Amino acid sequence: MADSNIANSMDNESEEKVSLYEVRQKIYPRAVHGIFNNWRVALVLFTQILYYGLPWLNWNGRQAVLFDLVNRKFFLFDLVFWPQDFIWLTAILIISALSLFLFTAIAGRLWCGYACPQTVYTELFMWIENWFEGDYKKQQKLNSLPWNGEKIARRGGKHVAWILLSLWTGFTLVAYYTPAKALLAELFTWTLGPWETFWIFFYAFATWGFAGFMREQVCKYMCPYARFQSVMFDQDTLIITYDYQRGEPRGGRRKDADYKSEGLGDCVNCDICVSVCPTGIDIRDGLQYMCIGCAACVDACDQVMDKMGYPRGLIRYSTQNVVDGKYEDKDILKHVFRPRTLFYTVVLTGIILAFFYTLANRIPLRVDVIRDRLTLSRETPSGGLENLYRLQVINMDGKPHHYTITAKGLDGLKITSGDQISVDALGTENLNITLEAPKASVLHPTQPVFFDIKSDDDSHLAREVKSSFLK
């Protein structure tokens, strides 16, 4: 009897176990048309034309954008960044981060909804999916059918197109680090290096998996931005909002019905705002971290409002303070510049101005001087003192230059050998220099001297480096 009770108790315990993992239900977003969808399509096309096109753009005889890690040079149109220029690359990252903070504080997750690679490639993959399998209803029907010739053909064709796009995406990524034309030649001759091969297939696999299968799961569970976005929001941030004061209580009705006398709000409870959402949320439940701000629900709701003859804007870009009745939509612009956004704007403007000022005054010339350690100082036949130096001249410009070297710091100081040097574009040359000075001008065991290096064809290219002259 006791054993029976124990067994029954164990059965009850096993029946009460609840899984902590939710089974994913695939989302089939409904197509939507409207102004925000048009913006999203335009930005998808714009960003991808840039991404796929830049590696093939020639600029002054070379690839316009190339991050040459092997030779430690970053080419950005006319600019060439060396390892010594890391400060400017850091500034670009800081500017990008602060811009993201500013735009988020003003208008929510604009980046996520319109330009994030996850959003962009999911959109591209959905276009391909719709082309092969039809709209969301046909996709659901196809998914429920047993495997047959049509299903294999449609699904197979879709995945072939996905894989080809993913491989092209991976190839393009590597083309930013290995010249695109050389990479293409290696591809056709089967001479790709191991690292190029790895990154092409790795990025292609990530694109295929994230955009083809995981989709909204990346935004909901993997993306850190979704988690900390709330600290950048406030009551005056433009977000996708449902006007619950106007919409509630929701309910179905005929188009010509006097719904207000029935105590209903403007929401007809059609759930189209849910069916078009790429992350499958209901915006009427309030702002959620899963919302990527794509505004598909805004376009969908506006279409329904037009059909019903109701004013647009039941779901719209607005602020929480507007929805709560603290001010009207027409006053939103007055609340754009507030302490938080002003702080971001001032700091961002200062960094941008400093970035362009220092970049405009950047001198693409580096000179290092090293004394000859084997011969510290020696006396010349004429009775003077002679010191030997080795100059390393790095031409960081995209054009070759000829330089003239002069020296100063002591009376009667002169260069007896090594006062001219030519350096190729982006090249490095070493030059041995001999300095001679009268004994009478060398008053101390060690005295400072200065080398002036100037380009003969560009007065902007000039450097002064300090060294020492030994007695």
Protein backbone atom coordinates (compact mmCIF):
# COMPACT_ATOMS: atom_id res chain seq x y z
CA MET A 1 0.00 0.00 0.00
CA ALA A 2 2.83 2.38 0.92
CA ASP A 3 4.65 1.47 -2.28
CA SER A 4 1.49 2.24 -4.24
CA ASN A 5 1.16 5.69 -2.61
CA ILE A 6 4.80 6.46 -3.35
CA ALA A 7 4.30 5.45 -6.97
CA ASN A 8 1.17 7.62 -7.28
CA SER A 9 3.03 10.53 -5.68
CA MET A 10 5.89 10.17 -8.16
CA ASP A 11 3.41 10.04 -11.05
CA ASN A 12 1.76 13.25 -9.82
CA GLU A 13 5.14 14.94 -9.51
CA SER A 14 6.08 13.92 -13.02
CA GLU A 15 2.77 15.24 -14.35
CA GLU A 16 3.38 18.60 -12.67
CA LYS A 17 6.75 19.13 -14.34
CA VAL A 18 6.73 22.19 -16.58
CA SER A 19 9.22 22.77 -19.36
CA LEU A 20 11.25 25.94 -18.97
CA TYR A 21 11.84 26.10 -22.72
CA GLU A 22 9.18 27.43 -25.04
CA VAL A 23 8.78 25.59 -28.32
CA ARG A 24 9.26 28.06 -31.13
CA GLN A 25 6.28 28.62 -33.37
CA LYS A 26 7.40 29.68 -36.83
CA ILE A 27 6.21 33.15 -37.76
CA TYR A 28 4.78 33.77 -41.21
CA PRO A 29 4.67 37.58 -41.50
CA ARG A 30 1.96 38.96 -43.70
CA ALA A 31 3.07 41.34 -46.46
CA VAL A 32 2.27 45.00 -45.89
CA HIS A 33 2.50 48.15 -47.98
CA GLY A 34 2.86 51.72 -46.87
CA ILE A 35 5.27 54.58 -46.35
CA PHE A 36 7.36 52.86 -43.69
CA ASN A 37 7.61 49.66 -45.72
CA ASN A 38 8.79 51.76 -48.66
CA TRP A 39 11.49 53.29 -46.46
CA ARG A 40 12.55 49.86 -45.28
CA VAL A 41 12.80 48.52 -48.85
CA ALA A 42 14.75 51.60 -49.95
CA LEU A 43 17.25 51.21 -47.11
CA VAL A 44 17.65 47.49 -47.78
CA LEU A 45 18.52 48.25 -51.39
CA PHE A 46 20.76 51.21 -50.47
CA THR A 47 22.78 49.36 -47.83
CA GLN A 48 23.24 46.27 -49.97
CA ILE A 49 24.27 48.23 -53.06
CA LEU A 50 26.95 49.81 -50.86
CA TYR A 51 27.98 46.53 -49.25
CA TYR A 52 28.19 44.45 -52.44
CA GLY A 53 29.42 47.28 -54.66
CA LEU A 54 32.22 48.99 -52.71
CA PRO A 55 34.79 46.16 -53.08
CA TRP A 56 34.51 46.50 -56.86
CA LEU A 57 34.90 50.28 -56.93
CA ASN A 58 38.34 51.41 -58.13
CA TRP A 59 39.88 54.60 -56.76
CA ASN A 60 43.16 55.97 -58.10
CA GLY A 61 44.16 52.58 -59.44
CA ARG A 62 43.30 50.56 -56.34
CA GLN A 63 40.29 49.25 -54.47
CA ALA A 64 38.37 52.16 -52.93
CA VAL A 65 37.72 50.46 -49.58
CA LEU A 66 40.23 47.84 -48.46
CA PHE A 67 41.37 46.78 -45.00
CA ASP A 68 44.75 45.29 -45.85
CA LEU A 69 45.63 43.54 -42.60
CA VAL A 70 48.68 41.80 -44.07
CA ASN A 71 50.36 45.08 -44.99
CA ARG A 72 48.70 46.92 -42.10
CA LYS A 73 47.04 49.60 -44.22
CA PHE A 74 43.37 50.64 -44.33
CA PHE A 75 42.32 52.30 -47.59
CA LEU A 76 39.24 54.52 -47.57
CA PHE A 77 39.02 56.32 -50.91
CA ASP A 78 41.75 59.03 -50.76
CA LEU A 79 42.60 58.27 -47.14
CA VAL A 80 45.15 55.69 -46.08
CA PHE A 81 45.23 54.72 -42.40
CA TRP A 82 48.28 53.07 -40.88
CA PRO A 83 48.63 51.39 -37.47
CA GLN A 84 49.82 54.77 -36.13
CA ASP A 85 46.44 56.23 -37.17
CA PHE A 86 44.45 53.94 -34.91
CA ILE A 87 43.13 56.99 -33.04
CA TRP A 88 40.98 57.95 -36.05
CA LEU A 89 39.54 54.46 -36.37
CA THR A 90 38.71 54.61 -32.68
CA ALA A 91 37.02 57.98 -33.23
CA ILE A 92 34.88 56.48 -36.00
CA LEU A 93 33.66 53.75 -33.63
CA ILE A 94 32.92 56.31 -30.90
CA ILE A 95 31.00 58.50 -33.36
CA SER A 96 28.98 55.47 -34.51
CA ALA A 97 28.13 54.48 -30.94
CA LEU A 98 27.12 58.00 -29.87
CA SER A 99 25.04 58.40 -33.05
CA LEU A 100 23.22 55.19 -32.17
CA PHE A 101 22.56 56.49 -28.65
CA LEU A 102 21.30 59.84 -29.99
CA PHE A 103 18.99 58.35 -32.62
CA THR A 104 17.65 55.83 -30.12
CA ALA A 105 16.91 58.54 -27.56
CA ILE A 106 15.06 60.56 -30.20
CA ALA A 107 13.25 57.93 -32.25
CA GLY A 108 13.72 54.49 -30.72
CA ARG A 109 15.12 51.50 -32.57
CA LEU A 110 15.55 53.05 -36.02
CA TRP A 111 18.74 51.04 -36.54
CA CYS A 112 17.03 47.74 -35.74
CA GLY A 113 14.00 48.38 -37.91
CA TYR A 114 15.69 49.69 -41.03
CA ALA A 115 19.45 49.10 -41.25
CA CYS A 116 20.53 46.27 -38.91
CA PRO A 117 22.13 43.43 -40.92
CA GLN A 118 19.83 40.92 -39.22
CA THR A 119 16.77 42.90 -40.33
CA VAL A 120 18.15 43.54 -43.81
CA TYR A 121 19.10 39.94 -44.57
CA THR A 122 15.92 38.56 -43.04
CA GLU A 123 14.04 40.88 -45.39
CA LEU A 124 16.07 39.66 -48.37
CA PHE A 125 15.54 36.03 -47.43
CA MET A 126 11.81 36.61 -47.01
CA TRP A 127 11.63 38.12 -50.50
CA ILE A 128 13.24 34.96 -51.87
CA GLU A 129 10.91 32.80 -49.76
CA ASN A 130 7.85 34.62 -51.04
CA TRP A 131 9.07 34.25 -54.62
CA PHE A 132 9.46 30.48 -54.31
CA GLU A 133 6.67 29.59 -51.88
CA GLY A 134 4.10 32.37 -52.23
CA ASP A 135 2.57 34.58 -49.54
CA TYR A 136 2.17 33.67 -45.88
CA LYS A 137 -0.99 31.63 -46.44
CA LYS A 138 0.61 29.54 -49.19
CA GLN A 139 3.69 29.04 -47.02
CA GLN A 140 1.58 27.73 -44.16
CA LYS A 141 -0.28 25.41 -46.51
CA LEU A 142 2.97 24.17 -48.07
CA ASN A 143 4.40 23.51 -44.62
CA SER A 144 1.43 21.32 -43.68
CA LEU A 145 1.64 19.22 -46.86
CA PRO A 146 3.57 15.93 -46.99
CA TRP A 147 6.78 15.90 -48.95
CA ASN A 148 6.05 15.68 -52.66
CA GLY A 149 7.63 16.87 -55.89
CA GLU A 150 6.25 20.41 -55.65
CA LYS A 151 7.30 20.86 -52.03
CA ILE A 152 10.80 19.54 -52.72
CA ALA A 153 11.15 21.81 -55.75
CA ARG A 154 9.94 24.93 -53.94
CA ARG A 155 11.86 24.32 -50.74
CA GLY A 156 14.96 23.16 -52.61
CA GLY A 157 14.93 26.17 -54.92
CA LYS A 158 14.52 28.49 -51.95
CA HIS A 159 17.48 27.01 -50.11
CA VAL A 160 19.68 27.03 -53.22
CA ALA A 161 18.94 30.74 -53.64
CA TRP A 162 19.55 31.36 -49.92
CA ILE A 163 22.89 29.53 -50.03
CA LEU A 164 24.03 31.38 -53.16
CA LEU A 165 23.17 34.74 -51.59
CA SER A 166 24.92 33.70 -48.36
CA LEU A 167 28.07 32.66 -50.22
CA TRP A 168 28.07 35.92 -52.14
CA THR A 169 27.71 37.74 -48.83
CA GLY A 170 30.62 35.82 -47.32
CA PHE A 171 32.76 36.42 -50.40
CA THR A 172 32.01 40.15 -50.24
CA LEU A 173 33.01 40.31 -46.58
CA VAL A 174 36.40 38.76 -47.33
CA ALA A 175 36.77 41.08 -50.35
CA TYR A 176 37.07 43.99 -47.93
CA TYR A 177 40.26 42.37 -46.57
CA THR A 178 41.66 40.66 -49.67
CA PRO A 179 41.39 42.62 -52.96
CA ALA A 180 38.17 41.56 -54.66
CA LYS A 181 39.65 40.92 -58.11
CA ALA A 182 42.50 38.84 -56.71
CA LEU A 183 40.04 36.94 -54.51
CA LEU A 184 37.81 36.20 -57.49
CA ALA A 185 40.80 34.93 -59.50
CA GLU A 186 41.78 32.67 -56.58
CA LEU A 187 38.22 31.39 -56.38
CA PHE A 188 38.10 30.37 -60.04
CA THR A 189 41.56 28.79 -59.93
CA TRP A 190 40.88 26.94 -56.66
CA THR A 191 43.80 28.65 -54.94
CA LEU A 192 41.94 30.32 -52.07
CA GLY A 193 43.94 30.51 -48.87
CA PRO A 194 42.71 28.70 -45.75
CA TRP A 195 41.67 31.87 -43.94
CA GLU A 196 39.77 33.27 -46.91
CA THR A 197 37.99 29.92 -47.34
CA PHE A 198 37.13 29.72 -43.65
CA TRP A 199 35.66 33.21 -43.42
CA ILE A 200 33.66 32.93 -46.66
CA PHE A 201 31.97 29.75 -45.51
CA PHE A 202 31.68 30.82 -41.87
CA TYR A 203 29.95 34.09 -42.69
CA ALA A 204 27.81 32.39 -45.34
CA PHE A 205 26.70 29.79 -42.80
CA ALA A 206 25.92 32.51 -40.23
CA THR A 207 23.90 34.49 -42.77
CA TRP A 208 21.98 31.39 -43.90
CA GLY A 209 21.25 30.34 -40.33
CA PHE A 210 20.40 33.72 -38.83
CA ALA A 211 18.34 35.14 -41.71
CA GLY A 212 16.84 31.88 -42.93
CA PHE A 213 15.99 30.03 -39.72
CA MET A 214 16.57 31.96 -36.50
CA ARG A 215 15.22 35.31 -37.67
CA GLU A 216 13.29 36.90 -34.80
CA GLN A 217 15.06 34.65 -32.30
CA VAL A 218 18.25 36.64 -32.87
CA CYS A 219 16.43 39.90 -32.06
CA LYS A 220 14.59 38.48 -29.07
CA TYR A 221 17.26 36.38 -27.38
CA MET A 222 20.71 37.03 -28.86
CA CYS A 223 20.94 40.75 -29.56
CA PRO A 224 22.22 42.71 -26.53
CA TYR A 225 20.82 45.97 -27.90
CA ALA A 226 17.29 44.74 -27.25
CA ARG A 227 18.14 44.39 -23.57
CA PHE A 228 19.73 47.75 -22.84
CA GLN A 229 17.66 49.94 -25.18
CA SER A 230 15.28 50.82 -22.35
CA VAL A 231 17.97 52.84 -20.56
CA MET A 232 18.11 55.15 -23.60
CA PHE A 233 14.32 55.59 -23.76
CA ASP A 234 12.27 58.11 -21.83
CA GLN A 235 8.69 59.35 -21.96
CA ASP A 236 9.54 61.68 -24.87
CA THR A 237 11.21 59.08 -27.11
CA LEU A 238 9.41 58.41 -30.39
CA ILE A 239 8.34 54.78 -30.36
CA ILE A 240 5.72 52.59 -31.99
CA THR A 241 2.66 53.17 -29.82
CA TYR A 242 -0.91 51.94 -29.69
CA ASP A 243 -3.33 54.69 -28.67
CA TYR A 244 -5.25 52.69 -26.10
CA GLN A 245 -7.40 55.68 -25.11
CA ARG A 246 -8.72 55.84 -28.64
CA GLY A 247 -8.69 52.13 -29.44
CA GLU A 248 -10.20 50.54 -26.32
CA PRO A 249 -12.39 48.71 -25.82
CA ARG A 250 -11.65 46.87 -29.04
CA GLY A 251 -14.11 44.70 -30.91
CA GLY A 252 -15.46 43.69 -34.31
CA ARG A 253 -18.18 45.67 -36.04
CA ARG A 254 -19.67 46.48 -39.44
CA LYS A 255 -18.20 49.36 -41.35
CA ASP A 256 -21.41 51.41 -41.12
CA ALA A 257 -22.09 50.56 -37.45
CA ASP A 258 -22.40 53.27 -34.80
CA TYR A 259 -19.66 51.64 -32.75
CA LYS A 260 -19.32 54.50 -30.30
CA SER A 261 -22.90 54.01 -29.12
CA GLU A 262 -21.98 50.37 -28.53
CA GLY A 263 -19.13 51.51 -26.27
CA LEU A 264 -16.35 50.38 -28.65
CA GLY A 265 -13.09 52.09 -29.51
CA ASP A 266 -11.50 52.43 -32.96
CA CYS A 267 -9.64 49.10 -32.80
CA VAL A 268 -11.65 46.52 -34.78
CA ASN A 269 -9.59 43.67 -33.28
CA CYS A 270 -8.57 42.40 -36.72
CA ASP A 271 -5.13 41.30 -35.43
CA ILE A 272 -3.48 42.37 -38.70
CA CYS A 273 -0.94 44.34 -36.64
CA VAL A 274 0.11 41.00 -35.12
CA SER A 275 0.17 39.07 -38.40
CA VAL A 276 2.54 41.56 -40.07
CA CYS A 277 4.95 41.74 -37.12
CA PRO A 278 8.27 39.99 -37.92
CA THR A 279 8.78 39.15 -34.23
CA GLY A 280 5.19 38.05 -33.64
CA ILE A 281 4.29 40.48 -30.84
CA ASP A 282 1.07 42.37 -30.21
CA ILE A 283 1.91 46.07 -30.01
CA ARG A 284 -1.43 46.67 -28.29
CA ASP A 285 0.08 45.10 -25.18
CA GLY A 286 2.44 48.08 -24.91
CA LEU A 287 6.10 48.62 -25.72
CA GLN A 288 8.11 45.39 -25.56
CA TYR A 289 11.81 44.73 -25.91
CA MET A 290 11.03 42.36 -28.81
CA CYS A 291 9.71 45.29 -30.91
CA ILE A 292 12.37 46.23 -33.48
CA GLY A 293 10.61 49.44 -34.53
CA CYS A 294 10.05 48.42 -38.16
CA ALA A 295 6.59 50.12 -38.19
CA ALA A 296 4.99 47.32 -40.21
CA CYS A 297 2.07 47.44 -37.76
CA VAL A 298 1.70 51.18 -38.43
CA ASP A 299 1.28 50.62 -42.18
CA ALA A 300 -1.11 47.71 -41.59
CA CYS A 301 -3.29 49.59 -39.11
CA ASP A 302 -3.45 52.67 -41.33
CA GLN A 303 -4.76 50.50 -44.17
CA VAL A 304 -7.48 49.12 -41.91
CA MET A 305 -8.39 52.59 -40.69
CA ASP A 306 -8.68 53.77 -44.31
CA LYS A 307 -11.04 50.90 -45.14
CA MET A 308 -13.18 51.61 -42.10
CA GLY A 309 -13.21 55.35 -42.71
CA TYR A 310 -11.51 56.12 -39.37
CA PRO A 311 -8.63 58.59 -38.86
CA ARG A 312 -5.15 57.14 -39.24
CA GLY A 313 -2.74 56.91 -36.33
CA LEU A 314 -4.32 54.37 -34.01
CA ILE A 315 -0.87 52.77 -34.12
CA ARG A 316 1.79 55.35 -34.90
CA TYR A 317 5.17 56.79 -34.08
CA SER A 318 4.52 58.84 -30.98
CA THR A 319 5.70 59.28 -27.41
CA GLN A 320 4.37 57.84 -24.20
CA ASN A 321 3.59 61.34 -22.95
CA VAL A 322 1.36 61.97 -25.99
CA VAL A 323 -0.50 58.71 -25.43
CA ASP A 324 -0.93 59.62 -21.77
CA GLY A 325 -2.43 62.96 -22.82
CA LYS A 326 0.34 65.21 -21.44
CA TYR A 327 0.72 67.01 -24.77
CA GLU A 328 -0.41 66.60 -28.38
CA ASP A 329 1.33 65.11 -31.40
CA LYS A 330 1.97 68.58 -32.84
CA ASP A 331 4.15 69.37 -29.81
CA ILE A 332 6.46 66.37 -30.21
CA LEU A 333 9.18 68.38 -31.95
CA LYS A 334 9.33 70.76 -28.98
CA HIS A 335 10.40 67.85 -26.80
CA VAL A 336 13.03 66.42 -29.13
CA PHE A 337 15.83 68.54 -27.69
CA ARG A 338 15.87 67.81 -23.99
CA PRO A 339 18.80 67.36 -21.57
CA ARG A 340 19.58 63.81 -22.68
CA THR A 341 19.53 64.48 -26.42
CA LEU A 342 21.28 67.83 -26.01
CA PHE A 343 24.11 66.12 -24.13
CA TYR A 344 24.49 63.48 -26.86
CA THR A 345 24.32 66.16 -29.57
CA VAL A 346 26.96 68.41 -27.97
CA VAL A 347 29.39 65.55 -27.30
CA LEU A 348 28.84 64.00 -30.74
CA THR A 349 29.27 67.35 -32.51
CA GLY A 350 32.49 68.03 -30.61
CA ILE A 351 33.97 64.64 -31.49
CA ILE A 352 32.96 64.96 -35.15
CA LEU A 353 34.50 68.45 -35.44
CA ALA A 354 37.69 67.27 -33.74
CA PHE A 355 37.80 64.21 -36.00
CA PHE A 356 37.55 66.20 -39.24
CA TYR A 357 39.87 68.96 -38.02
CA THR A 358 42.64 66.57 -37.06
CA LEU A 359 42.06 64.51 -40.21
CA ALA A 360 42.29 67.62 -42.40
CA ASN A 361 45.57 68.61 -40.70
CA ARG A 362 46.98 65.10 -40.74
CA ILE A 363 50.45 64.93 -42.28
CA PRO A 364 50.94 61.64 -44.17
CA LEU A 365 54.62 61.47 -43.38
CA ARG A 366 56.43 59.70 -40.56
CA VAL A 367 60.14 59.97 -39.81
CA ASP A 368 62.16 58.07 -37.22
CA VAL A 369 65.81 58.84 -36.49
CA ILE A 370 68.28 56.46 -34.83
CA ARG A 371 71.85 57.26 -33.97
CA ASP A 372 74.60 54.96 -35.20
CA ARG A 373 75.45 53.07 -32.02
CA LEU A 374 78.75 51.69 -33.37
CA THR A 375 80.27 55.09 -34.06
CA LEU A 376 79.23 57.60 -31.40
CA SER A 377 81.40 60.50 -32.59
CA ARG A 378 84.56 60.93 -34.63
CA GLU A 379 86.89 63.73 -35.64
CA THR A 380 87.08 64.72 -39.30
CA PRO A 381 90.27 65.59 -41.19
CA SER A 382 89.16 69.22 -41.18
CA GLY A 383 89.06 69.27 -37.38
CA GLY A 384 85.29 69.07 -36.95
CA LEU A 385 83.12 66.48 -35.22
CA GLU A 386 81.04 63.99 -37.11
CA ASN A 387 77.98 61.94 -36.03
CA LEU A 388 76.19 59.24 -38.01
CA TYR A 389 72.41 58.72 -38.09
CA ARG A 390 69.90 56.47 -39.76
CA LEU A 391 66.57 57.97 -40.87
CA GLN A 392 63.51 55.86 -41.67
CA VAL A 393 61.10 57.81 -43.88
CA ILE A 394 57.55 56.44 -44.26
CA ASN A 395 55.52 58.03 -47.06
CA MET A 396 51.92 57.51 -45.89
CA ASP A 397 50.53 59.31 -48.94
CA GLY A 398 49.08 57.63 -52.01
CA LYS A 399 51.61 59.39 -54.26
CA PRO A 400 55.43 59.16 -54.47
CA HIS A 401 57.44 62.10 -53.12
CA HIS A 402 61.00 63.38 -53.13
CA TYR A 403 62.25 64.81 -49.84
CA THR A 404 65.07 67.15 -48.87
CA ILE A 405 66.65 66.90 -45.41
CA THR A 406 68.27 69.78 -43.53
CA ALA A 407 69.67 69.96 -40.00
CA LYS A 408 69.82 72.68 -37.38
CA GLY A 409 70.62 73.16 -33.70
CA LEU A 410 74.38 73.98 -33.77
CA ASP A 411 76.36 76.77 -35.36
CA GLY A 412 77.99 75.59 -38.54
CA LEU A 413 76.05 72.29 -38.54
CA LYS A 414 75.81 70.72 -41.99
CA ILE A 415 74.88 67.46 -43.67
CA THR A 416 77.86 66.01 -45.49
CA SER A 417 76.00 63.01 -46.95
CA GLY A 418 72.41 61.87 -47.22
CA ASP A 419 70.32 65.02 -47.71
CA GLN A 420 68.01 63.70 -50.47
CA ILE A 421 65.63 60.74 -50.63
CA SER A 422 62.76 59.54 -52.84
CA VAL A 423 60.01 57.34 -51.43
CA ASP A 424 57.35 55.51 -53.39
CA ALA A 425 53.66 55.86 -52.60
CA LEU A 426 52.92 54.13 -49.28
CA GLY A 427 56.56 53.11 -49.17
CA THR A 428 59.34 53.11 -46.60
CA GLU A 429 62.97 54.00 -47.21
CA ASN A 430 66.05 54.15 -44.96
CA LEU A 431 68.70 56.83 -45.31
CA ASN A 432 72.15 57.13 -43.73
CA ILE A 433 73.01 60.72 -42.80
CA THR A 434 76.30 62.23 -41.67
CA LEU A 435 76.28 65.45 -39.63
CA GLU A 436 79.39 67.57 -39.17
CA ALA A 437 79.84 70.51 -36.77
CA PRO A 438 82.85 72.62 -35.70
CA LYS A 439 84.32 71.64 -32.34
CA ALA A 440 83.82 75.16 -31.04
CA SER A 441 80.03 74.94 -31.44
CA VAL A 442 79.75 71.68 -29.46
CA LEU A 443 79.85 73.04 -25.92
CA HIS A 444 78.37 70.05 -24.08
CA PRO A 445 78.84 66.27 -24.26
CA THR A 446 75.33 65.96 -25.70
CA GLN A 447 73.44 68.70 -27.53
CA PRO A 448 70.06 68.59 -29.28
CA VAL A 449 69.84 68.75 -33.05
CA PHE A 450 66.84 68.77 -35.34
CA PHE A 451 66.22 67.23 -38.75
CA ASP A 452 63.78 68.98 -41.09
CA ILE A 453 62.31 66.71 -43.79
CA LYS A 454 60.29 68.49 -46.49
CA SER A 455 58.71 67.29 -49.71
CA ASP A 456 59.90 69.12 -52.82
CA ASP A 457 56.45 68.97 -54.44
CA ASP A 458 54.12 69.43 -51.46
CA SER A 459 54.94 71.93 -48.71
CA HIS A 460 52.29 70.34 -46.47
CA LEU A 461 54.46 67.23 -46.20
CA ALA A 462 57.05 68.28 -43.67
CA ARG A 463 58.31 66.89 -40.37
CA GLU A 464 60.81 67.93 -37.73
CA VAL A 465 62.42 65.22 -35.62
CA LYS A 466 64.76 65.65 -32.69
CA SER A 467 67.97 63.79 -31.98
CA SER A 468 71.27 64.48 -30.19
CA PHE A 469 74.80 65.32 -31.25
CA LEU A 470 77.64 63.80 -29.23
CA LYS A 471 80.94 65.52 -28.55
